[in-house]
């Protein structure tokens, strides 16, 4: 049931955010409009992440690796690109900001699978 709800929300956003021209495609900084087929979207200049035109800008992801704080490029939504061996370190800080963002954009959340029992 939850999967169906997330899918429906994603489809609604896709339809409502569809734009017909480069000028209508509003991207946040470090992202630029790009066209594929008949659809426009925002592509990250550094990390090539894709966002819908007009989508809300995510917070900056701050990760901790061996006690050192690392701020990732805009558009990164998890710390899996840094060196982590513990799954508890995959999540961005500040955690409260990210929890609020993911409530509005559940399709952007990293899904962490539990470790296999073997």
C-alpha atoms as a PDB file:
ATOM      1  CA  UNK A   1       0.000   0.000   0.000  1.00  0.00           C
ATOM      2  CA  UNK A   2       2.803   2.422   0.915  1.00  0.00           C
ATOM      3  CA  UNK A   3       4.562   1.632  -2.380  1.00  0.00           C
ATOM      4  CA  UNK A   4       1.403   2.484  -4.324  1.00  0.00           C
ATOM      5  CA  UNK A   5       1.084   5.806  -2.474  1.00  0.00           C
ATOM      6  CA  UNK A   6       4.728   6.764  -3.194  1.00  0.00           C
ATOM      7  CA  UNK A   7       4.282   5.798  -6.848  1.00  0.00           C
ATOM      8  CA  UNK A   8       1.110   7.883  -7.129  1.00  0.00           C
ATOM      9  CA  UNK A   9       2.804  10.930  -5.570  1.00  0.00           C
ATOM     10  CA  UNK A  10       5.768  10.553  -7.929  1.00  0.00           C
ATOM     11  CA  UNK A  11       3.476  10.350 -10.954  1.00  0.00           C
ATOM     12  CA  UNK A  12       1.532  13.413  -9.854  1.00  0.00           C
ATOM     13  CA  UNK A  13       4.776  15.385  -9.483  1.00  0.00           C
ATOM     14  CA  UNK A  14       5.977  14.177 -12.876  1.00  0.00           C
ATOM     15  CA  UNK A  15       2.796  15.331 -14.586  1.00  0.00           C
ATOM     16  CA  UNK A  16       2.476  18.648 -12.752  1.00  0.00           C
ATOM     17  CA  UNK A  17       6.141  19.554 -13.182  1.00  0.00           C
ATOM     18  CA  UNK A  18       6.283  18.769 -16.917  1.00  0.00           C
ATOM     19  CA  UNK A  19       7.527  21.756 -18.921  1.00  0.00           C
ATOM     20  CA  UNK A  20       7.642  22.407 -22.646  1.00  0.00           C
ATOM     21  CA  UNK A  21      10.635  24.748 -23.012  1.00  0.00           C
ATOM     22  CA  UNK A  22      14.073  25.446 -21.568  1.00  0.00           C
ATOM     23  CA  UNK A  23      12.864  28.826 -20.290  1.00  0.00           C
ATOM     24  CA  UNK A  24      10.070  27.176 -18.267  1.00  0.00           C
ATOM     25  CA  UNK A  25      12.494  24.712 -16.662  1.00  0.00           C
ATOM     26  CA  UNK A  26      13.588  26.291 -13.374  1.00  0.00           C
ATOM     27  CA  UNK A  27      16.620  24.609 -11.788  1.00  0.00           C
ATOM     28  CA  UNK A  28      18.495  25.443  -8.599  1.00  0.00           C
ATOM     29  CA  UNK A  29      22.142  26.547  -8.700  1.00  0.00           C
ATOM     30  CA  UNK A  30      24.691  23.983  -9.894  1.00  0.00           C
ATOM     31  CA  UNK A  31      21.973  22.418 -12.095  1.00  0.00           C
ATOM     32  CA  UNK A  32      20.996  23.264 -15.658  1.00  0.00           C
ATOM     33  CA  UNK A  33      18.050  22.422 -17.912  1.00  0.00           C
ATOM     34  CA  UNK A  34      18.512  19.448 -20.206  1.00  0.00           C
ATOM     35  CA  UNK A  35      16.124  17.923 -22.711  1.00  0.00           C
ATOM     36  CA  UNK A  36      15.623  14.248 -23.366  1.00  0.00           C
ATOM     37  CA  UNK A  37      12.995  13.412 -25.955  1.00  0.00           C
ATOM     38  CA  UNK A  38      10.052  15.730 -25.261  1.00  0.00           C
ATOM     39  CA  UNK A  39      10.870  16.186 -21.566  1.00  0.00           C
ATOM     40  CA  UNK A  40      12.957  18.798 -19.767  1.00  0.00           C
ATOM     41  CA  UNK A  41      14.680  18.116 -16.447  1.00  0.00           C
ATOM     42  CA  UNK A  42      17.490  19.568 -14.325  1.00  0.00           C
ATOM     43  CA  UNK A  43      20.907  17.871 -14.455  1.00  0.00           C
ATOM     44  CA  UNK A  44      23.663  18.514 -11.906  1.00  0.00           C
ATOM     45  CA  UNK A  45      26.794  20.090 -13.376  1.00  0.00           C
ATOM     46  CA  UNK A  46      29.067  18.260 -10.908  1.00  0.00           C
ATOM     47  CA  UNK A  47      27.300  15.044  -9.960  1.00  0.00           C
ATOM     48  CA  UNK A  48      24.917  14.605 -12.927  1.00  0.00           C
ATOM     49  CA  UNK A  49      21.983  13.962 -10.575  1.00  0.00           C
ATOM     50  CA  UNK A  50      18.551  14.513 -12.111  1.00  0.00           C
ATOM     51  CA  UNK A  51      15.725  16.585 -10.607  1.00  0.00           C
ATOM     52  CA  UNK A  52      12.424  17.678 -12.097  1.00  0.00           C
ATOM     53  CA  UNK A  53      12.143  21.278 -13.284  1.00  0.00           C
ATOM     54  CA  UNK A  54      10.881  23.438 -10.416  1.00  0.00           C
ATOM     55  CA  UNK A  55      11.574  20.763  -7.786  1.00  0.00           C
ATOM     56  CA  UNK A  56      12.429  21.929  -4.275  1.00  0.00           C
ATOM     57  CA  UNK A  57      16.145  22.335  -3.616  1.00  0.00           C
ATOM     58  CA  UNK A  58      17.395  19.724  -1.136  1.00  0.00           C
ATOM     59  CA  UNK A  59      19.500  20.675   1.883  1.00  0.00           C
ATOM     60  CA  UNK A  60      23.269  20.221   1.639  1.00  0.00           C
ATOM     61  CA  UNK A  61      24.286  16.733   2.737  1.00  0.00           C
ATOM     62  CA  UNK A  62      26.911  16.726   5.480  1.00  0.00           C
ATOM     63  CA  UNK A  63      28.618  13.390   6.149  1.00  0.00           C
ATOM     64  CA  UNK A  64      31.149  12.347   8.749  1.00  0.00           C
ATOM     65  CA  UNK A  65      34.019  10.118   7.683  1.00  0.00           C
ATOM     66  CA  UNK A  66      36.600   9.118  10.318  1.00  0.00           C
ATOM     67  CA  UNK A  67      35.575  12.104  12.437  1.00  0.00           C
ATOM     68  CA  UNK A  68      35.887  14.605   9.568  1.00  0.00           C
ATOM     69  CA  UNK A  69      32.808  16.450   8.275  1.00  0.00           C
ATOM     70  CA  UNK A  70      32.379  16.435   4.487  1.00  0.00           C
ATOM     71  CA  UNK A  71      29.812  18.584   2.662  1.00  0.00           C
ATOM     72  CA  UNK A  72      28.646  16.872  -0.521  1.00  0.00           C
ATOM     73  CA  UNK A  73      27.654  18.523  -3.790  1.00  0.00           C
ATOM     74  CA  UNK A  74      24.139  19.896  -4.036  1.00  0.00           C
ATOM     75  CA  UNK A  75      21.745  17.141  -5.061  1.00  0.00           C
ATOM     76  CA  UNK A  76      23.475  14.338  -3.158  1.00  0.00           C
ATOM     77  CA  UNK A  77      20.951  12.827  -0.733  1.00  0.00           C
ATOM     78  CA  UNK A  78      23.043  10.232   1.101  1.00  0.00           C
ATOM     79  CA  UNK A  79      26.599   9.610   2.273  1.00  0.00           C
ATOM     80  CA  UNK A  80      27.146   6.402   0.289  1.00  0.00           C
ATOM     81  CA  UNK A  81      29.601   8.231  -1.992  1.00  0.00           C
ATOM     82  CA  UNK A  82      31.998   8.688   0.933  1.00  0.00           C
ATOM     83  CA  UNK A  83      33.926   5.816   2.506  1.00  0.00           C
ATOM     84  CA  UNK A  84      31.556   4.112   4.970  1.00  0.00           C
ATOM     85  CA  UNK A  85      31.588   0.598   6.291  1.00  0.00           C
ATOM     86  CA  UNK A  86      28.762   1.119   8.749  1.00  0.00           C
ATOM     87  CA  UNK A  87      25.257   1.656   7.343  1.00  0.00           C
ATOM     88  CA  UNK A  88      24.377   4.006  10.198  1.00  0.00           C
ATOM     89  CA  UNK A  89      26.789   6.514   8.627  1.00  0.00           C
ATOM     90  CA  UNK A  90      24.960   6.659   5.285  1.00  0.00           C
ATOM     91  CA  UNK A  91      22.522   9.356   6.328  1.00  0.00           C
ATOM     92  CA  UNK A  92      23.026  13.096   5.841  1.00  0.00           C
ATOM     93  CA  UNK A  93      23.118  15.683   8.578  1.00  0.00           C
ATOM     94  CA  UNK A  94      21.390  17.820   9.753  1.00  0.00           C
ATOM     95  CA  UNK A  95      19.058  14.902  10.234  1.00  0.00           C
ATOM     96  CA  UNK A  96      15.953  16.962  11.124  1.00  0.00           C
ATOM     97  CA  UNK A  97      16.203  18.968   7.880  1.00  0.00           C
ATOM     98  CA  UNK A  98      16.547  15.762   5.872  1.00  0.00           C
ATOM     99  CA  UNK A  99      13.641  14.057   7.640  1.00  0.00           C
ATOM    100  CA  UNK A 100      11.425  17.029   6.720  1.00  0.00           C
ATOM    101  CA  UNK A 101      12.698  17.023   3.122  1.00  0.00           C
ATOM    102  CA  UNK A 102      12.062  13.271   2.758  1.00  0.00           C
ATOM    103  CA  UNK A 103       8.508  13.679   4.102  1.00  0.00           C
ATOM    104  CA  UNK A 104       7.862  15.936   1.111  1.00  0.00           C
ATOM    105  CA  UNK A 105       9.992  13.869  -1.321  1.00  0.00           C
ATOM    106  CA  UNK A 106       9.916  10.218  -0.198  1.00  0.00           C
ATOM    107  CA  UNK A 107      11.223   9.004  -3.580  1.00  0.00           C
ATOM    108  CA  UNK A 108      14.583  10.690  -2.822  1.00  0.00           C
ATOM    109  CA  UNK A 109      15.254   8.686   0.366  1.00  0.00           C
ATOM    110  CA  UNK A 110      18.012   6.077   0.331  1.00  0.00           C
ATOM    111  CA  UNK A 111      16.599   2.655   1.185  1.00  0.00           C
ATOM    112  CA  UNK A 112      19.063   0.657   3.268  1.00  0.00           C
ATOM    113  CA  UNK A 113      18.720  -3.087   3.157  1.00  0.00           C
ATOM    114  CA  UNK A 114      19.484  -5.025   6.334  1.00  0.00           C
ATOM    115  CA  UNK A 115      22.668  -7.064   6.373  1.00  0.00           C
ATOM    116  CA  UNK A 116      22.117 -10.723   5.441  1.00  0.00           C
ATOM    117  CA  UNK A 117      22.291 -13.074   8.420  1.00  0.00           C
ATOM    118  CA  UNK A 118      25.230 -15.066   7.004  1.00  0.00           C
END
